[in-house]
Protein backbone atom coordinates (compact mmCIF):
# COMPACT_ATOMS: atom_id res chain seq x y z
CA UNK A 1 -0.01 0.01 -0.02
CA UNK A 2 0.97 3.66 -0.59
CA UNK A 3 4.49 4.66 0.27
CA UNK A 4 6.26 1.28 0.65
CA UNK A 5 9.69 2.90 1.14
CA UNK A 6 8.87 4.93 4.18
CA UNK A 7 8.94 3.53 7.76
CA UNK A 8 5.62 4.55 9.22
CA UNK A 9 4.39 4.62 12.82
CA UNK A 10 0.77 4.78 13.85
CA UNK A 11 0.53 6.81 17.05
CA UNK A 12 -2.52 6.49 19.23
CA UNK A 13 -3.60 8.18 22.41
CA UNK A 14 -6.45 6.49 24.20
CA UNK A 15 -8.11 5.95 27.54
CA UNK A 16 -10.86 3.83 29.06
CA UNK A 17 -13.48 6.51 28.14
CA UNK A 18 -13.00 5.32 24.56
CA UNK A 19 -13.47 1.64 25.35
CA UNK A 20 -16.97 1.63 23.89
CA UNK A 21 -15.31 1.36 20.45
CA UNK A 22 -11.97 -0.14 21.38
CA UNK A 23 -12.77 -3.63 20.00
CA UNK A 24 -13.34 -2.35 16.49
CA UNK A 25 -10.50 0.16 16.67
CA UNK A 26 -8.15 -2.66 17.75
CA UNK A 27 -9.22 -4.71 14.70
CA UNK A 28 -8.50 -1.67 12.45
CA UNK A 29 -4.97 -1.37 13.97
CA UNK A 30 -4.32 -5.14 13.42
CA UNK A 31 -5.45 -4.66 9.79
CA UNK A 32 -2.93 -1.87 9.36
CA UNK A 33 -0.18 -3.75 11.07
CA UNK A 34 -0.62 -6.55 8.46
CA UNK A 35 0.01 -3.92 5.80
CA UNK A 36 3.37 -2.93 7.30
CA UNK A 37 2.68 -0.20 9.75
CA UNK A 38 3.99 -0.24 13.30
CA UNK A 39 1.74 0.71 16.13
CA UNK A 40 2.58 2.60 19.37
CA UNK A 41 -0.13 3.37 21.93
CA UNK A 42 -0.09 5.80 24.87
CA UNK A 43 -2.81 5.05 27.32
CA UNK A 44 -3.99 7.52 29.93
CA UNK A 45 -6.68 5.40 31.51
CA UNK A 46 -7.11 5.77 35.31
CA UNK A 47 -5.61 2.22 35.60
CA UNK A 48 -3.13 0.49 33.40
CA UNK A 49 -4.67 -1.49 30.52
CA UNK A 50 -3.14 -4.16 28.28
CA UNK A 51 -3.97 -3.01 24.83
CA UNK A 52 -2.10 -5.75 22.99
CA UNK A 53 0.39 -3.49 21.19
CA UNK A 54 3.62 -1.78 21.92
CA UNK A 55 2.49 0.78 24.42
CA UNK A 56 3.10 2.87 27.55
CA UNK A 57 0.89 4.34 30.29
CA UNK A 58 0.78 7.99 31.38
CA UNK A 59 -1.33 8.78 34.43
CA UNK A 60 -4.09 11.32 33.53
CA UNK A 61 -3.39 14.83 34.70
CA UNK A 62 -6.05 17.18 36.27
CA UNK A 63 -6.29 19.17 32.96
CA UNK A 64 -7.15 16.92 29.97
CA UNK A 65 -5.26 19.14 27.50
CA UNK A 66 -2.05 18.69 29.48
CA UNK A 67 -2.60 14.88 29.46
CA UNK A 68 -3.04 15.03 25.70
CA UNK A 69 0.15 17.17 25.27
CA UNK A 70 2.22 14.80 27.34
CA UNK A 71 0.88 11.77 25.51
CA UNK A 72 1.60 13.24 22.10
CA UNK A 73 5.11 14.23 23.06
CA UNK A 74 5.72 10.74 24.34
CA UNK A 75 4.65 9.43 20.85
CA UNK A 76 6.86 12.05 19.21
CA UNK A 77 9.94 10.98 21.18
CA UNK A 78 9.30 7.28 20.42
CA UNK A 79 8.94 8.17 16.75
CA UNK A 80 12.13 10.21 16.56
CA UNK A 81 14.18 7.72 18.77
CA UNK A 82 13.18 4.81 16.51
CA UNK A 83 14.04 6.44 13.12
CA UNK A 84 10.54 6.53 11.57
CA UNK A 85 9.91 8.56 8.46
CA UNK A 86 6.22 9.43 8.95
CA UNK A 87 3.75 9.48 11.87
CA UNK A 88 0.09 8.60 11.30
CA UNK A 89 -1.73 10.07 14.31
CA UNK A 90 -5.03 8.23 14.65
CA UNK A 91 -7.51 9.01 17.34
CA UNK A 92 -9.04 5.87 18.90
CA UNK A 93 -12.66 6.64 17.85
CA UNK A 94 -11.70 7.47 14.19
CA UNK A 95 -12.03 4.86 11.44
CA UNK A 96 -10.64 4.96 7.90
CA UNK A 97 -10.59 2.71 4.81
CA UNK A 98 -7.57 1.09 3.29
CA UNK A 99 -8.22 3.15 0.11
CA UNK A 100 -8.23 6.42 2.00
CA UNK A 101 -4.99 5.48 3.79
CA UNK A 102 -3.40 4.77 0.33
CA UNK A 103 -4.45 8.20 -0.86
CA UNK A 104 -3.19 9.90 2.34
CA UNK A 105 0.29 8.41 1.76
CA UNK A 106 0.35 9.84 -1.71
CA UNK A 107 -0.51 13.40 -0.76
CA UNK A 108 2.26 15.99 -1.23
CA UNK A 109 2.18 17.94 2.00
CA UNK A 110 4.50 17.83 4.96
CA UNK A 111 1.30 17.34 6.97
CA UNK A 112 -1.64 15.53 5.37
CA UNK A 113 -5.02 15.11 7.00
CA UNK A 114 -8.60 13.91 6.70
CA UNK A 115 -11.26 15.29 9.07
CA UNK A 116 -14.46 13.93 10.49
CA UNK A 117 -17.81 15.19 11.78
CA UNK A 118 -18.48 16.27 15.33
CA UNK A 119 -21.48 17.79 17.09
CA UNK A 120 -21.44 21.54 17.72
CA UNK A 121 -23.44 22.38 20.84
CA UNK A 122 -23.90 26.07 19.72
CA UNK A 123 -25.66 24.90 16.58
CA UNK A 124 -26.97 21.59 17.90
CA UNK A 125 -25.88 20.12 14.54
CA UNK A 126 -22.94 18.24 13.14
CA UNK A 127 -20.06 20.06 11.54
CA UNK A 128 -16.61 19.07 10.32
CA UNK A 129 -13.74 19.23 12.76
CA UNK A 130 -12.18 22.22 10.97
CA UNK A 131 -11.41 25.69 12.17
CA UNK A 132 -11.23 28.98 10.29
CA UNK A 133 -9.83 32.31 11.23
CA UNK A 134 -10.88 35.89 10.72
CA UNK A 135 -8.47 38.36 12.24
CA UNK A 136 -7.63 37.03 15.72
CA UNK A 137 -10.86 35.04 16.02
CA UNK A 138 -10.75 31.29 15.40
CA UNK A 139 -13.78 29.05 15.54
CA UNK A 140 -15.09 25.76 14.29
CA UNK A 141 -16.65 26.14 10.85
CA UNK A 142 -20.48 26.14 10.68
CA UNK A 143 -22.51 23.21 9.39
CA UNK A 144 -23.25 25.25 6.27
CA UNK A 145 -19.62 25.99 5.62
CA UNK A 146 -18.90 22.25 6.23
CA UNK A 147 -21.12 21.46 3.30
CA UNK A 148 -19.35 24.04 1.14
CA UNK A 149 -15.93 22.59 2.07
CA UNK A 150 -16.76 19.08 0.91
CA UNK A 151 -15.41 17.69 -2.35
CA UNK A 152 -12.87 20.38 -3.07
CA UNK A 153 -10.02 17.97 -3.34
CA UNK A 154 -6.76 18.75 -1.46
CA UNK A 155 -6.69 22.25 0.12
CA UNK A 156 -3.83 24.00 1.74
CA UNK A 157 -4.55 24.94 5.34
CA UNK A 158 -3.49 28.49 6.20
CA UNK A 159 -4.30 29.63 2.71
CA UNK A 160 -7.71 28.28 1.61
CA UNK A 161 -10.62 30.70 2.07
CA UNK A 162 -14.18 29.74 2.98
CA UNK A 163 -16.90 32.34 3.49
CA UNK A 164 -14.28 35.09 3.82
CA UNK A 165 -12.29 33.22 6.51
CA UNK A 166 -9.00 31.36 6.18
CA UNK A 167 -9.20 27.62 6.96
CA UNK A 168 -6.34 27.06 9.44
CA UNK A 169 -6.50 23.67 10.97
CA UNK A 170 -8.45 20.43 11.34
CA UNK A 171 -7.27 18.72 14.48
CA UNK A 172 -5.11 15.56 14.03
CA UNK A 173 -7.63 12.82 14.36
CA UNK A 174 -6.24 11.28 11.15
CA UNK A 175 -3.07 13.04 10.21
CA UNK A 176 0.15 11.93 8.55
CA UNK A 177 3.20 13.94 9.61
CA UNK A 178 6.61 13.94 7.99
CA UNK A 179 9.72 13.47 10.17
CA UNK A 180 11.11 16.99 9.30
CA UNK A 181 8.03 18.52 10.91
CA UNK A 182 8.33 16.59 14.19
CA UNK A 183 12.00 17.33 14.35
CA UNK A 184 11.06 20.99 14.80
CA UNK A 185 7.70 21.05 16.48
CA UNK A 186 6.72 19.67 19.94
CA UNK A 187 3.14 19.46 21.09
CA UNK A 188 2.10 22.33 23.39
CA UNK A 189 -0.68 23.87 25.35
CA UNK A 190 -0.68 26.69 27.91
CA UNK A 191 -3.36 28.62 29.77
CA UNK A 192 -5.13 31.26 27.71
CA UNK A 193 -7.56 33.18 29.91
CA UNK A 194 -9.33 30.50 31.95
CA UNK A 195 -8.90 27.76 29.33
CA UNK A 196 -6.26 25.47 27.90
CA UNK A 197 -6.52 25.02 24.11
CA UNK A 198 -5.94 21.53 22.87
CA UNK A 199 -2.48 20.84 21.42
CA UNK A 200 -3.76 20.25 17.90
CA UNK A 201 -4.58 24.00 17.64
CA UNK A 202 -0.93 24.94 18.52
CA UNK A 203 0.41 22.15 16.29
CA UNK A 204 -1.36 23.41 13.13
CA UNK A 205 -0.52 27.07 14.01
CA UNK A 206 3.19 26.23 14.17
CA UNK A 207 3.05 24.08 11.03
CA UNK A 208 1.61 27.02 9.11
CA UNK A 209 3.89 29.63 10.79
CA UNK A 210 7.00 27.67 9.94
CA UNK A 211 6.03 27.35 6.22
CA UNK A 212 5.38 23.63 6.05
CA UNK A 213 2.89 22.36 3.47
CA UNK A 214 -0.26 21.55 5.47
CA UNK A 215 -2.87 19.78 3.42
CA UNK A 216 -6.40 18.61 4.05
CA UNK A 217 -8.37 16.29 1.74
CA UNK A 218 -11.95 17.26 1.51
CA UNK A 219 -13.20 14.40 -0.63
CA UNK A 220 -13.13 11.74 2.13
CA UNK A 221 -14.56 12.07 5.68
CA UNK A 222 -13.56 9.58 8.38
CA UNK A 223 -16.08 7.79 10.48
CA UNK A 224 -16.11 9.30 14.02
CA UNK A 225 -17.66 7.28 16.84
CA UNK A 226 -17.62 10.05 19.38
CA UNK A 227 -20.13 9.90 22.23
CA UNK A 228 -19.97 13.51 23.26
CA UNK A 229 -22.41 13.63 26.06
CA UNK A 230 -21.11 14.89 29.41
CA UNK A 231 -23.95 13.32 31.34
CA UNK A 232 -22.78 9.85 30.57
CA UNK A 233 -19.93 8.40 32.62
CA UNK A 234 -16.93 6.57 31.30
CA UNK A 235 -18.20 3.47 33.00
CA UNK A 236 -21.51 3.65 31.15
CA UNK A 237 -19.67 4.17 27.87
CA UNK A 238 -17.33 1.22 28.46
CA UNK A 239 -20.25 -1.11 28.85
CA UNK A 240 -20.95 -0.72 25.09
CA UNK A 241 -17.90 -2.77 24.26
CA UNK A 242 -19.83 -5.88 25.27
CA UNK A 243 -22.68 -5.17 22.83
CA UNK A 244 -22.97 -5.97 19.12
CA UNK A 245 -22.01 -3.29 16.62
CA UNK A 246 -25.65 -2.73 15.71
CA UNK A 247 -26.64 -2.33 19.36
CA UNK A 248 -23.79 0.07 20.02
CA UNK A 249 -24.77 2.24 17.05
CA UNK A 250 -28.39 2.25 18.19
CA UNK A 251 -27.27 3.50 21.64
CA UNK A 252 -24.82 6.01 20.15
CA UNK A 253 -27.55 7.48 18.00
CA UNK A 254 -29.82 7.77 21.02
CA UNK A 255 -27.19 9.59 23.05
CA UNK A 256 -26.58 12.08 20.29
CA UNK A 257 -30.23 13.13 20.17
């Protein structure tokens, strides 16, 4: 598949809060392992979990964004120390086809991404996990802009304009990063007002600032099995792993209403 000459690591950050889809995600990783990728997992569950791959455990911090930063930097160090060429960051509730992986490997950027849908509470609708900037203001794009963004091929983040705003970043739920980028950029977060932005925002900001080619393909959208409902506990979510896929999806749809 794809770029057979490159040594590629799949880096995953997960925790027991994502166990509702871990069984299927593990099967996806095993499928990709058979195609020549290595897998490295950083788990920040409350207790250590045997994930069945090369992995390490980092105790969760009080601030989730700091936990994410530390986990991503652990992956970065493992990647650099073991002489990999490309890092595929894959969030543990994101699913992708083999054909989409093949295309991702052929994209020409230093950073190449797909995105996925997520529910925006302010609209009570689904939008793509993409942010745009106007002046100093940066927000997730609207559901309407999400529809406009689809099927525009490969776009360059930091330059592409949508509804008068510059599309700047897309998270890193499914992102392929070249080694030369990770040699220069660490994952960061720091307190801004009373909040800690997630490290993916700082990552894309620095990629664009340093002049790396930062590409997003808009023709393919990953499956995103995110149960974003703060009233449900991690224990309740983890019980879904014992159900059939059909039952889990029925419950997921009910939680999203």
